Amino acid sequence: MEKSARVPRLIFSLLLSAAAVFGLHLHIVSPYDGRMGENYILPFAWTDLLLLALLTALFTFLLGLLFRLLGRGRKGLYAEGPCLAGQAGRFFLILLLLFLLWLPYLLRYFPGFLFQDSLNSLQQAMGLLPLNNRNPILFTLFLRLCLRLAGGLTGACLLFTLFQMLCMAAASSYLICWLRVRARLGRGWVAVLIALYGLNPYVAADSIAMWKDPLFSAALVVWSLLLADLALSQGKAASRHSWLVFFPLLTLVLLFWRNNGFCSVLAVALLLLVPALRRGGGFRRALLLCGAGLLVWAVVTVPVYRHFGIGTPKEESGGMLLNQMARVAAYGGEMSEEERAYLDELLPLDAYPEAYRPCCVDLLKWDERFDYSALAGPRFLRTWAGLGMKNPRLYLEAWALESYGFWTLTRPEINLNTANISAGAPLNLPDGGELPVGDTAIRFRSFLRQGIWSRLLPMDFWSLPLGPLNWVVLLTGLYLLLCGKKTLLLPLAPSLGTVLGLLAATPIWYLPRYEAGVQFLAPLFLLLLLRGKES
């Protein structure tokens, strides 16, 4: 593999080095609301080329050393049979243990963390607001079910939180059991994994957060493991009844529980094309299930939603595009009279320098002068494409400043980030109280004393930084590809699809919850990197 790996290793090292060097040139004062004069890109110099060359040489050498170490003989992953066969009791025991370890968080922040997005969905579920796919309809309909079952707002929030905790505990327990069987891990490693997920404040706080990301992440974890079984068994896993039940079910959950779940399913479908055509069998069955899921998604989200008057605001799906156009207007870039008129229709041209935020589109689209109606129709995409042809540098800069948290290596605000829950601005009242919603209210309280419990159960905690983690996922894929283990790319594909979707359309510089599922799957990536060659 040594000779064939030289060029791919060099290209990977060059891209990694470019990300590191580019990160050093980002001048960031306030990532969320910093203006043009605070968040910008520092000029490049010839010394950057020297640093790029040195880092590329260093990374190329280190990757060569790493690949040689990984190439030594090791036991591969065990592939036969369902991983819960004979250990269903262990699965439920770990599930219960994780749930109990997270329970103090629910008692401290009862009935769970509530955010503006979840409040909007609750208002839609109650009929106070019209249905809107800004937050997925399935999420809103599930909240409506919770309202009917609980009979009150506080009870509905509690029911949702308990269900989410159980689902996350089940996904984490399945991951631990899967790793135990497939990698033949001993009890010590199982205990370490239980502690990693059960005692981690980041995971515990996420389990009681009422937004769409935790349940999406749980589904992504299990779906990725089903794809790993498909790859390891050379397609045989797709003949198991349990696999045939859970794979299409989770496919639909990913597609309808978060709007960019489409990217993960599409990435898997594209990767399944080659083995489905060459080997058929289980790979073809999996491809058909993905295709059927995508077809259902397309039918529901276009003609069905249109029939019921349900729309997806373009400022959400096109947030990155909107900020690129805003940068052109703010910096006085080249534009035609027609494009100038359209930008002025969206927001008065003289308002862009103040309203434009390089690292986040939220404050631009929430500006009271912003005209949402101008986003409708084909003019938006036509103007975006035309401005991009005239101002490629400004577009690249806008993309880099808004997405840098998902690819950079050298930014302390990413690598040391602890804000996850607080970044969503929870509406919970810290000392108890109630939040009016229509004619009723959500009642917040803490069953645990303040002080010591607030320190033991922090709202925010450090998590794996997404920039370095995403490069590890890419490195794992590169190594498996060079080893000829192309089918083992399947369990990586959902995470890669999530990352690519964020790089194309993230509305903000960094939020850990957007890739929580990728973070939870870190042990799987490490295992594939260490043992994938021998599997």
Protein backbone atom coordinates (compact mmCIF):
# COMPACT_ATOMS: atom_id res chain seq x y z
CA MET A 1 0.00 0.00 0.00
CA GLU A 2 3.01 2.28 0.58
CA LYS A 3 3.52 3.38 -3.03
CA SER A 4 -0.16 3.70 -3.93
CA ALA A 5 -0.77 5.75 -0.78
CA ARG A 6 1.81 8.44 -1.46
CA VAL A 7 -0.29 10.74 -3.63
CA PRO A 8 -3.52 10.45 -1.57
CA ARG A 9 -1.49 10.95 1.61
CA LEU A 10 0.13 14.05 0.13
CA ILE A 11 -3.21 15.51 -0.97
CA PHE A 12 -4.77 14.85 2.44
CA SER A 13 -1.78 16.43 4.19
CA LEU A 14 -1.96 19.48 1.92
CA LEU A 15 -5.66 20.00 2.66
CA LEU A 16 -5.10 19.51 6.38
CA SER A 17 -2.23 21.99 6.33
CA ALA A 18 -4.31 24.51 4.37
CA ALA A 19 -7.06 24.26 7.00
CA ALA A 20 -4.51 24.85 9.77
CA VAL A 21 -2.90 27.84 8.03
CA PHE A 22 -6.23 29.39 7.05
CA GLY A 23 -7.43 29.09 10.63
CA LEU A 24 -4.50 31.22 11.79
CA HIS A 25 -5.69 34.04 9.50
CA LEU A 26 -9.17 34.31 10.99
CA HIS A 27 -9.52 37.38 13.18
CA ILE A 28 -12.53 36.67 15.37
CA VAL A 29 -13.68 38.96 18.17
CA SER A 30 -17.24 37.76 18.72
CA PRO A 31 -18.18 34.71 16.62
CA TYR A 32 -21.94 35.11 16.83
CA ASP A 33 -22.62 38.82 16.53
CA GLY A 34 -19.26 40.29 15.48
CA ARG A 35 -19.44 42.73 12.57
CA MET A 36 -17.22 43.21 9.53
CA GLY A 37 -14.61 45.21 11.42
CA GLU A 38 -14.36 42.53 14.14
CA ASN A 39 -14.56 39.22 12.27
CA TYR A 40 -12.46 39.15 9.13
CA ILE A 41 -9.63 37.35 7.32
CA LEU A 42 -6.09 38.62 7.84
CA PRO A 43 -3.92 39.15 4.72
CA PHE A 44 -1.75 36.27 3.54
CA ALA A 45 2.02 36.53 2.99
CA TRP A 46 4.78 34.48 1.37
CA THR A 47 5.63 33.05 4.80
CA ASP A 48 2.27 31.28 4.72
CA LEU A 49 3.46 29.29 1.71
CA LEU A 50 6.54 28.27 3.66
CA LEU A 51 4.42 27.24 6.66
CA LEU A 52 2.06 25.36 4.33
CA ALA A 53 4.98 23.45 2.81
CA LEU A 54 6.49 22.61 6.20
CA LEU A 55 3.18 21.42 7.64
CA THR A 56 2.44 19.37 4.53
CA ALA A 57 5.82 17.65 4.79
CA LEU A 58 5.31 17.01 8.51
CA PHE A 59 1.77 15.66 8.11
CA THR A 60 2.83 13.47 5.16
CA PHE A 61 5.60 11.95 7.27
CA LEU A 62 3.32 11.42 10.28
CA LEU A 63 0.59 9.85 8.14
CA GLY A 64 3.12 7.48 6.59
CA LEU A 65 4.26 6.46 10.06
CA LEU A 66 0.65 6.07 11.24
CA PHE A 67 -0.31 3.93 8.24
CA ARG A 68 2.68 1.65 8.79
CA LEU A 69 1.72 1.20 12.45
CA LEU A 70 -1.88 0.51 11.52
CA GLY A 71 -0.76 -1.97 8.89
CA ARG A 72 0.65 -4.39 11.44
CA GLY A 73 -1.37 -7.54 12.04
CA ARG A 74 -4.34 -7.17 14.39
CA LYS A 75 -7.55 -9.00 15.00
CA GLY A 76 -10.30 -7.65 12.80
CA LEU A 77 -13.90 -6.98 13.68
CA TYR A 78 -16.18 -9.94 14.33
CA ALA A 79 -18.98 -9.96 11.77
CA GLU A 80 -21.26 -12.97 12.26
CA GLY A 81 -24.72 -12.82 13.79
CA PRO A 82 -26.74 -10.02 15.44
CA CYS A 83 -24.77 -8.30 18.17
CA LEU A 84 -27.59 -8.54 20.73
CA ALA A 85 -27.89 -12.33 20.43
CA GLY A 86 -27.40 -13.71 23.90
CA GLN A 87 -26.89 -10.32 25.55
CA ALA A 88 -30.33 -8.70 25.51
CA GLY A 89 -30.19 -8.61 29.31
CA ARG A 90 -26.90 -6.70 29.20
CA PHE A 91 -28.39 -4.26 26.68
CA PHE A 92 -31.34 -3.40 28.93
CA LEU A 93 -29.14 -3.24 32.02
CA ILE A 94 -26.81 -0.69 30.36
CA LEU A 95 -29.83 1.22 29.02
CA LEU A 96 -31.30 1.45 32.53
CA LEU A 97 -27.96 2.44 34.04
CA LEU A 98 -27.45 5.26 31.52
CA PHE A 99 -31.00 6.51 32.06
CA LEU A 100 -30.47 6.60 35.84
CA LEU A 101 -27.12 8.38 35.47
CA TRP A 102 -28.82 11.09 33.38
CA LEU A 103 -31.89 11.35 35.62
CA PRO A 104 -30.35 13.93 38.02
CA TYR A 105 -30.18 16.35 35.09
CA LEU A 106 -33.93 16.05 34.60
CA LEU A 107 -34.49 16.61 38.32
CA ARG A 108 -32.24 19.66 38.22
CA TYR A 109 -33.67 21.21 35.03
CA PHE A 110 -37.26 19.89 35.13
CA PRO A 111 -39.04 19.26 32.74
CA GLY A 112 -36.05 19.59 30.36
CA PHE A 113 -34.33 22.41 28.49
CA LEU A 114 -36.77 24.42 26.36
CA PHE A 115 -35.61 26.66 23.50
CA GLN A 116 -37.26 29.13 21.16
CA ASP A 117 -37.33 26.52 18.39
CA SER A 118 -39.05 23.97 20.64
CA LEU A 119 -41.47 26.66 21.87
CA ASN A 120 -42.38 27.49 18.26
CA SER A 121 -43.06 23.82 17.58
CA LEU A 122 -45.19 23.59 20.74
CA GLN A 123 -47.20 26.61 19.60
CA GLN A 124 -47.73 24.95 16.22
CA ALA A 125 -48.72 21.70 17.94
CA MET A 126 -51.28 23.65 20.01
CA GLY A 127 -52.69 25.40 16.92
CA LEU A 128 -51.45 28.83 18.02
CA LEU A 129 -49.23 29.10 14.95
CA PRO A 130 -49.62 27.62 11.45
CA LEU A 131 -47.57 24.52 10.65
CA ASN A 132 -44.16 25.34 9.21
CA ASN A 133 -41.30 23.02 8.27
CA ARG A 134 -38.66 25.39 9.66
CA ASN A 135 -38.63 22.86 12.50
CA PRO A 136 -39.51 19.48 11.00
CA ILE A 137 -43.20 18.61 10.87
CA LEU A 138 -42.57 15.17 12.39
CA PHE A 139 -41.02 16.83 15.44
CA THR A 140 -44.07 19.09 15.79
CA LEU A 141 -46.55 16.23 15.30
CA PHE A 142 -44.79 14.19 17.98
CA LEU A 143 -45.13 17.13 20.37
CA ARG A 144 -48.84 17.22 19.52
CA LEU A 145 -49.06 13.53 20.47
CA CYS A 146 -47.30 14.27 23.76
CA LEU A 147 -49.79 17.06 24.44
CA ARG A 148 -52.74 14.73 23.89
CA LEU A 149 -51.27 11.98 26.05
CA ALA A 150 -50.16 14.26 28.88
CA GLY A 151 -53.09 16.66 28.86
CA GLY A 152 -50.95 19.67 29.77
CA LEU A 153 -47.89 21.59 28.62
CA THR A 154 -45.56 20.70 31.48
CA GLY A 155 -46.56 17.04 31.29
CA ALA A 156 -46.07 17.06 27.51
CA CYS A 157 -42.54 18.46 27.88
CA LEU A 158 -41.78 15.85 30.54
CA LEU A 159 -43.15 13.04 28.37
CA PHE A 160 -41.06 14.18 25.40
CA THR A 161 -37.92 14.42 27.56
CA LEU A 162 -38.41 10.95 29.08
CA PHE A 163 -38.94 9.43 25.63
CA GLN A 164 -35.84 11.18 24.31
CA MET A 165 -33.76 10.00 27.29
CA LEU A 166 -34.88 6.41 26.70
CA CYS A 167 -34.07 6.60 22.98
CA MET A 168 -30.63 8.08 23.60
CA ALA A 169 -29.93 5.52 26.32
CA ALA A 170 -31.03 2.73 23.97
CA ALA A 171 -28.79 4.01 21.15
CA SER A 172 -25.80 4.40 23.48
CA SER A 173 -26.40 0.96 25.02
CA TYR A 174 -26.63 -0.59 21.55
CA LEU A 175 -23.38 1.10 20.55
CA ILE A 176 -21.63 -0.25 23.66
CA CYS A 177 -22.99 -3.77 23.10
CA TRP A 178 -22.07 -3.60 19.43
CA LEU A 179 -18.49 -2.56 20.23
CA ARG A 180 -18.25 -5.29 22.88
CA VAL A 181 -19.27 -8.06 20.45
CA ARG A 182 -17.72 -6.86 17.20
CA ALA A 183 -14.38 -5.89 18.81
CA ARG A 184 -14.45 -8.58 21.53
CA LEU A 185 -13.98 -6.00 24.27
CA GLY A 186 -13.52 -7.05 27.88
CA ARG A 187 -15.52 -5.87 30.88
CA GLY A 188 -13.03 -3.11 31.63
CA TRP A 189 -13.56 -1.46 28.26
CA VAL A 190 -17.33 -1.82 28.60
CA ALA A 191 -17.13 -0.04 31.96
CA VAL A 192 -15.06 2.74 30.38
CA LEU A 193 -17.66 3.19 27.62
CA ILE A 194 -20.54 3.27 30.13
CA ALA A 195 -18.70 5.96 32.09
CA LEU A 196 -17.92 7.86 28.87
CA TYR A 197 -21.60 8.15 27.95
CA GLY A 198 -23.26 7.95 31.36
CA LEU A 199 -21.10 10.36 33.37
CA ASN A 200 -20.43 12.88 30.62
CA PRO A 201 -22.34 16.13 31.39
CA TYR A 202 -22.40 17.00 27.68
CA VAL A 203 -24.32 13.81 26.83
CA ALA A 204 -26.55 14.03 29.90
CA ALA A 205 -27.55 17.65 29.22
CA ASP A 206 -28.18 16.81 25.56
CA SER A 207 -30.55 14.00 26.59
CA ILE A 208 -32.99 16.48 28.18
CA ALA A 209 -32.73 19.21 25.53
CA MET A 210 -36.01 19.69 23.68
CA TRP A 211 -34.74 20.22 20.19
CA LYS A 212 -34.55 17.96 17.17
CA ASP A 213 -30.85 17.11 17.33
CA PRO A 214 -30.66 14.53 20.19
CA LEU A 215 -33.15 12.07 18.69
CA PHE A 216 -31.65 12.61 15.25
CA SER A 217 -28.23 11.81 16.71
CA ALA A 218 -29.53 8.64 18.37
CA ALA A 219 -31.00 7.48 15.06
CA LEU A 220 -27.74 8.31 13.25
CA VAL A 221 -25.75 6.17 15.70
CA VAL A 222 -27.89 3.05 15.32
CA TRP A 223 -28.28 3.51 11.54
CA SER A 224 -24.49 3.75 11.16
CA LEU A 225 -24.06 0.51 13.16
CA LEU A 226 -26.61 -1.26 10.93
CA LEU A 227 -24.56 -0.13 7.93
CA ALA A 228 -21.41 -1.41 9.64
CA ASP A 229 -23.08 -4.81 10.06
CA LEU A 230 -24.08 -4.74 6.40
CA ALA A 231 -20.48 -4.08 5.36
CA LEU A 232 -18.84 -6.54 7.75
CA SER A 233 -21.23 -9.35 6.80
CA GLN A 234 -20.83 -8.65 3.06
CA GLY A 235 -24.53 -7.92 2.78
CA LYS A 236 -25.84 -10.86 4.82
CA ALA A 237 -27.10 -8.64 7.64
CA ALA A 238 -29.85 -7.32 5.35
CA SER A 239 -31.56 -10.73 5.50
CA ARG A 240 -32.17 -10.49 9.27
CA HIS A 241 -35.69 -9.56 10.33
CA SER A 242 -34.49 -7.06 12.94
CA TRP A 243 -32.27 -5.32 10.38
CA LEU A 244 -35.11 -5.14 7.86
CA VAL A 245 -37.36 -3.54 10.48
CA PHE A 246 -34.99 -0.98 11.95
CA PHE A 247 -33.06 0.10 8.84
CA PRO A 248 -36.04 1.54 6.87
CA LEU A 249 -37.60 2.91 10.06
CA LEU A 250 -34.46 4.82 10.99
CA THR A 251 -34.04 5.94 7.39
CA LEU A 252 -37.40 7.70 7.62
CA VAL A 253 -36.55 9.15 11.03
CA LEU A 254 -33.33 10.65 9.64
CA LEU A 255 -35.16 12.08 6.64
CA PHE A 256 -38.07 13.63 8.53
CA TRP A 257 -36.69 14.45 11.98
CA ARG A 258 -34.12 16.98 10.76
CA ASN A 259 -34.23 18.76 7.42
CA ASN A 260 -30.61 18.03 6.48
CA GLY A 261 -31.00 14.31 7.21
CA PHE A 262 -31.50 14.04 3.45
CA CYS A 263 -27.72 14.56 3.04
CA SER A 264 -26.86 11.51 5.17
CA VAL A 265 -29.31 9.19 3.40
CA LEU A 266 -28.25 10.42 -0.03
CA ALA A 267 -24.56 9.88 0.83
CA VAL A 268 -25.28 6.27 1.83
CA ALA A 269 -27.42 5.64 -1.27
CA LEU A 270 -24.65 6.88 -3.56
CA LEU A 271 -22.05 4.75 -1.78
CA LEU A 272 -24.30 1.68 -2.06
CA LEU A 273 -24.55 1.95 -5.84
CA VAL A 274 -21.31 0.09 -6.63
CA PRO A 275 -21.69 -2.89 -4.25
CA ALA A 276 -25.39 -3.14 -5.14
CA LEU A 277 -24.58 -3.43 -8.85
CA ARG A 278 -21.58 -5.74 -8.39
CA ARG A 279 -22.73 -8.01 -5.58
CA GLY A 280 -26.48 -7.50 -5.34
CA GLY A 281 -28.07 -9.31 -2.41
CA GLY A 282 -28.16 -7.36 0.82
CA PHE A 283 -26.46 -4.30 -0.69
CA ARG A 284 -29.15 -4.05 -3.35
CA ARG A 285 -31.83 -4.45 -0.70
CA ALA A 286 -30.29 -1.63 1.35
CA LEU A 287 -30.07 0.60 -1.72
CA LEU A 288 -33.74 -0.01 -2.54
CA LEU A 289 -34.72 0.86 1.03
CA CYS A 290 -32.71 4.09 0.88
CA GLY A 291 -34.21 4.91 -2.51
CA ALA A 292 -37.73 4.23 -1.24
CA GLY A 293 -37.09 6.46 1.77
CA LEU A 294 -35.82 9.29 -0.44
CA LEU A 295 -38.86 8.91 -2.70
CA VAL A 296 -41.25 9.10 0.25
CA TRP A 297 -39.37 12.14 1.53
CA ALA A 298 -39.59 13.88 -1.86
CA VAL A 299 -43.32 13.21 -2.21
CA VAL A 300 -44.16 14.32 1.32
CA THR A 301 -41.99 17.44 1.46
CA VAL A 302 -43.01 18.80 -1.95
CA PRO A 303 -46.55 17.99 -3.15
CA VAL A 304 -48.02 16.93 0.23
CA TYR A 305 -46.61 19.90 2.16
CA ARG A 306 -47.60 22.21 -0.68
CA HIS A 307 -51.16 20.81 -0.63
CA PHE A 308 -51.48 21.59 3.09
CA GLY A 309 -49.78 24.98 2.77
CA ILE A 310 -46.69 23.92 4.71
CA GLY A 311 -43.50 25.65 3.62
CA THR A 312 -39.82 25.53 4.46
CA PRO A 313 -38.46 29.08 4.80
CA LYS A 314 -35.67 29.69 2.31
CA GLU A 315 -33.73 31.72 4.86
CA GLU A 316 -33.15 28.40 6.68
CA SER A 317 -32.12 26.14 3.80
CA GLY A 318 -30.34 29.00 2.01
CA GLY A 319 -28.71 30.68 4.98
CA MET A 320 -25.17 30.26 3.65
CA LEU A 321 -26.21 31.60 0.23
CA LEU A 322 -27.92 34.57 1.84
CA ASN A 323 -24.80 35.48 3.82
CA GLN A 324 -22.63 35.24 0.71
CA MET A 325 -24.90 37.69 -1.09
CA ALA A 326 -24.93 39.94 1.98
CA ARG A 327 -21.12 40.03 2.03
CA VAL A 328 -21.07 41.23 -1.58
CA ALA A 329 -23.51 44.01 -0.69
CA ALA A 330 -21.69 44.92 2.53
CA TYR A 331 -18.29 45.16 0.82
CA GLY A 332 -19.59 46.88 -2.30
CA GLY A 333 -18.82 44.00 -4.65
CA GLU A 334 -19.50 43.90 -8.36
CA MET A 335 -23.17 43.54 -9.31
CA SER A 336 -25.58 44.39 -12.11
CA GLU A 337 -28.41 46.87 -11.69
CA GLU A 338 -30.92 44.01 -11.53
CA GLU A 339 -28.90 42.28 -8.79
CA ARG A 340 -28.50 45.57 -6.93
CA ALA A 341 -32.26 46.11 -7.04
CA TYR A 342 -32.92 42.62 -5.70
CA LEU A 343 -30.46 43.02 -2.82
CA ASP A 344 -32.08 46.36 -1.99
CA GLU A 345 -35.45 44.63 -1.99
CA LEU A 346 -34.22 42.05 0.54
CA LEU A 347 -32.70 44.73 2.76
CA PRO A 348 -31.91 48.40 2.07
CA LEU A 349 -28.43 48.47 0.55
CA ASP A 350 -27.09 50.96 3.06
CA ALA A 351 -28.13 48.61 5.89
CA TYR A 352 -25.91 45.67 4.88
CA PRO A 353 -22.62 46.91 6.45
CA GLU A 354 -24.34 47.06 9.82
CA ALA A 355 -26.68 44.05 9.52
CA TYR A 356 -24.20 41.60 7.98
CA ARG A 357 -22.51 39.27 10.48
CA PRO A 358 -19.66 37.28 8.88
CA CYS A 359 -19.96 34.20 11.12
CA CYS A 360 -23.73 33.86 11.44
CA VAL A 361 -26.75 34.63 9.27
CA ASP A 362 -29.29 34.83 12.12
CA LEU A 363 -29.05 38.54 12.92
CA LEU A 364 -29.24 39.45 9.24
CA LYS A 365 -32.45 37.56 8.58
CA TRP A 366 -33.95 38.73 11.89
CA ASP A 367 -33.35 42.39 11.05
CA GLU A 368 -36.70 44.21 11.18
CA ARG A 369 -36.05 45.67 7.71
CA PHE A 370 -35.47 42.27 6.08
CA ASP A 371 -38.18 41.33 3.55
CA TYR A 372 -38.81 37.56 3.67
CA SER A 373 -41.26 37.69 0.77
CA ALA A 374 -38.41 38.60 -1.60
CA LEU A 375 -36.90 35.12 -1.04
CA ALA A 376 -39.77 33.42 -2.88
CA GLY A 377 -39.40 32.44 -6.52
CA PRO A 378 -36.36 31.80 -8.71
CA ARG A 379 -34.82 35.29 -8.33
CA PHE A 380 -33.01 34.30 -5.15
CA LEU A 381 -30.96 31.48 -6.73
CA ARG A 382 -30.50 33.38 -9.98
CA THR A 383 -29.12 36.42 -8.15
CA TRP A 384 -26.94 34.26 -5.91
CA ALA A 385 -25.39 32.51 -8.93
CA GLY A 386 -24.83 35.77 -10.80
CA LEU A 387 -23.16 37.50 -7.85
CA GLY A 388 -20.98 34.44 -7.26
CA MET A 389 -19.64 34.54 -10.80
CA LYS A 390 -18.64 38.18 -10.33
CA ASN A 391 -17.35 37.93 -6.74
CA PRO A 392 -15.81 34.46 -6.15
CA ARG A 393 -13.36 35.72 -3.52
CA LEU A 394 -16.05 37.36 -1.42
CA TYR A 395 -18.15 34.20 -1.67
CA LEU A 396 -15.23 32.02 -0.55
CA GLU A 397 -14.51 34.34 2.37
CA ALA A 398 -18.17 34.35 3.39
CA TRP A 399 -18.25 30.55 3.33
CA ALA A 400 -15.01 30.23 5.32
CA LEU A 401 -16.10 32.65 8.04
CA GLU A 402 -19.49 31.00 8.48
CA SER A 403 -18.34 27.37 8.40
CA TYR A 404 -14.85 27.49 9.91
CA GLY A 405 -15.90 25.75 13.12
CA PHE A 406 -16.50 22.53 11.18
CA TRP A 407 -13.09 22.27 9.49
CA THR A 408 -10.49 24.39 11.26
CA LEU A 409 -7.83 22.97 13.58
CA THR A 410 -6.23 25.99 15.22
CA ARG A 411 -9.07 27.97 16.80
CA PRO A 412 -9.35 27.93 20.63
CA GLU A 413 -13.02 28.95 20.52
CA ILE A 414 -13.61 25.62 18.77
CA ASN A 415 -11.15 23.30 20.51
CA LEU A 416 -12.00 24.62 24.00
CA ASN A 417 -15.70 25.24 23.36
CA THR A 418 -18.06 24.36 26.21
CA ALA A 419 -21.23 26.11 25.00
CA ASN A 420 -23.89 23.74 23.74
CA ILE A 421 -27.05 24.22 25.78
CA SER A 422 -26.37 27.89 26.55
CA ALA A 423 -25.71 28.56 22.85
CA GLY A 424 -29.33 27.62 22.20
CA ALA A 425 -30.50 30.20 24.79
CA PRO A 426 -32.74 27.96 26.95
CA LEU A 427 -35.93 29.55 28.19
CA ASN A 428 -35.87 27.72 31.54
CA LEU A 429 -36.12 29.99 34.54
CA PRO A 430 -33.14 29.10 36.80
CA ASP A 431 -34.96 29.40 40.13
CA GLY A 432 -38.31 28.02 39.07
CA GLY A 433 -41.26 29.76 37.51
CA GLU A 434 -43.50 29.43 34.51
CA LEU A 435 -43.46 30.39 30.85
CA PRO A 436 -46.87 31.44 29.45
CA VAL A 437 -47.91 29.69 26.23
CA GLY A 438 -51.37 30.65 25.03
CA ASP A 439 -53.87 30.26 27.88
CA THR A 440 -51.61 27.94 29.88
CA ALA A 441 -47.93 27.77 30.90
CA ILE A 442 -44.91 25.52 31.22
CA ARG A 443 -43.76 25.24 34.83
CA PHE A 444 -40.03 24.98 35.47
CA ARG A 445 -38.48 23.92 38.74
CA SER A 446 -35.50 22.18 40.30
CA PHE A 447 -36.00 19.20 42.60
CA LEU A 448 -32.36 19.52 43.64
CA ARG A 449 -30.84 22.35 45.63
CA GLN A 450 -28.90 25.04 43.87
CA GLY A 451 -25.23 25.45 44.67
CA ILE A 452 -23.49 22.09 44.79
CA TRP A 453 -25.89 20.44 42.34
CA SER A 454 -25.39 23.27 39.86
CA ARG A 455 -21.65 22.58 39.99
CA LEU A 456 -22.07 18.81 39.75
CA LEU A 457 -24.64 19.09 36.94
CA PRO A 458 -23.38 21.92 34.71
CA MET A 459 -25.53 23.11 31.84
CA ASP A 460 -22.51 23.22 29.49
CA PHE A 461 -19.48 20.98 29.21
CA TRP A 462 -16.59 20.38 26.82
CA SER A 463 -17.18 18.02 23.90
CA LEU A 464 -15.02 16.70 21.07
CA PRO A 465 -14.21 19.68 18.80
CA LEU A 466 -15.85 19.13 15.43
CA GLY A 467 -13.04 20.44 13.22
CA PRO A 468 -10.41 17.88 14.31
CA LEU A 469 -13.09 15.17 14.62
CA ASN A 470 -14.23 15.66 11.02
CA TRP A 471 -10.64 15.33 9.81
CA VAL A 472 -10.35 12.06 11.77
CA VAL A 473 -13.47 10.77 10.00
CA LEU A 474 -11.95 11.72 6.63
CA LEU A 475 -8.63 10.11 7.61
CA THR A 476 -10.43 6.90 8.58
CA GLY A 477 -12.19 6.85 5.23
CA LEU A 478 -8.94 7.46 3.36
CA TYR A 479 -7.17 4.65 5.20
CA LEU A 480 -10.00 2.15 4.57
CA LEU A 481 -10.07 3.17 0.91
CA LEU A 482 -6.31 2.62 0.54
CA CYS A 483 -6.64 -0.76 2.26
CA GLY A 484 -9.24 -1.83 -0.29
CA LYS A 485 -12.03 -1.91 2.32
CA LYS A 486 -14.47 0.17 0.32
CA THR A 487 -17.60 -1.35 1.85
CA LEU A 488 -16.41 -0.30 5.31
CA LEU A 489 -16.92 3.28 4.18
CA LEU A 490 -20.66 2.65 4.62
CA PRO A 491 -20.77 3.32 8.40
CA LEU A 492 -18.80 6.53 7.79
CA ALA A 493 -21.18 7.78 5.09
CA PRO A 494 -23.98 9.06 7.40
CA SER A 495 -21.48 11.18 9.33
CA LEU A 496 -19.82 12.42 6.14
CA GLY A 497 -23.22 13.34 4.73
CA THR A 498 -24.01 15.31 7.88
CA VAL A 499 -20.70 17.15 7.67
CA LEU A 500 -21.06 17.95 3.96
CA GLY A 501 -24.58 19.24 4.56
CA LEU A 502 -23.29 21.60 7.24
CA LEU A 503 -20.39 22.79 5.10
CA ALA A 504 -22.86 23.63 2.34
CA ALA A 505 -25.59 25.28 4.38
CA THR A 506 -24.71 25.87 8.01
CA PRO A 507 -26.34 29.03 9.40
CA ILE A 508 -23.67 29.56 12.04
CA TRP A 509 -19.94 29.19 12.65
CA TYR A 510 -20.27 26.37 15.23
CA LEU A 511 -22.83 24.45 17.26
CA PRO A 512 -21.77 21.07 18.74
CA ARG A 513 -25.34 19.73 18.69
CA TYR A 514 -25.37 19.79 14.89
CA GLU A 515 -22.91 16.87 14.91
CA ALA A 516 -23.67 15.22 18.24
CA GLY A 517 -24.25 11.89 16.48
CA VAL A 518 -20.80 12.10 14.87
CA GLN A 519 -19.30 12.80 18.31
CA PHE A 520 -21.10 9.81 19.84
CA LEU A 521 -19.73 7.56 17.07
CA ALA A 522 -16.09 8.47 17.79
CA PRO A 523 -15.30 4.98 19.28
CA LEU A 524 -16.56 3.38 16.06
CA PHE A 525 -14.28 5.56 13.92
CA LEU A 526 -11.32 4.70 16.14
CA LEU A 527 -12.13 1.01 15.90
CA LEU A 528 -12.41 1.11 12.10
CA LEU A 529 -9.10 2.92 11.92
CA LEU A 530 -7.37 0.38 14.17
CA ARG A 531 -8.94 -2.85 12.91
CA GLY A 532 -10.67 -2.09 9.62
CA LYS A 533 -7.77 -3.38 7.51
CA GLU A 534 -8.05 -6.87 8.97
CA SER A 535 -11.85 -7.12 8.75
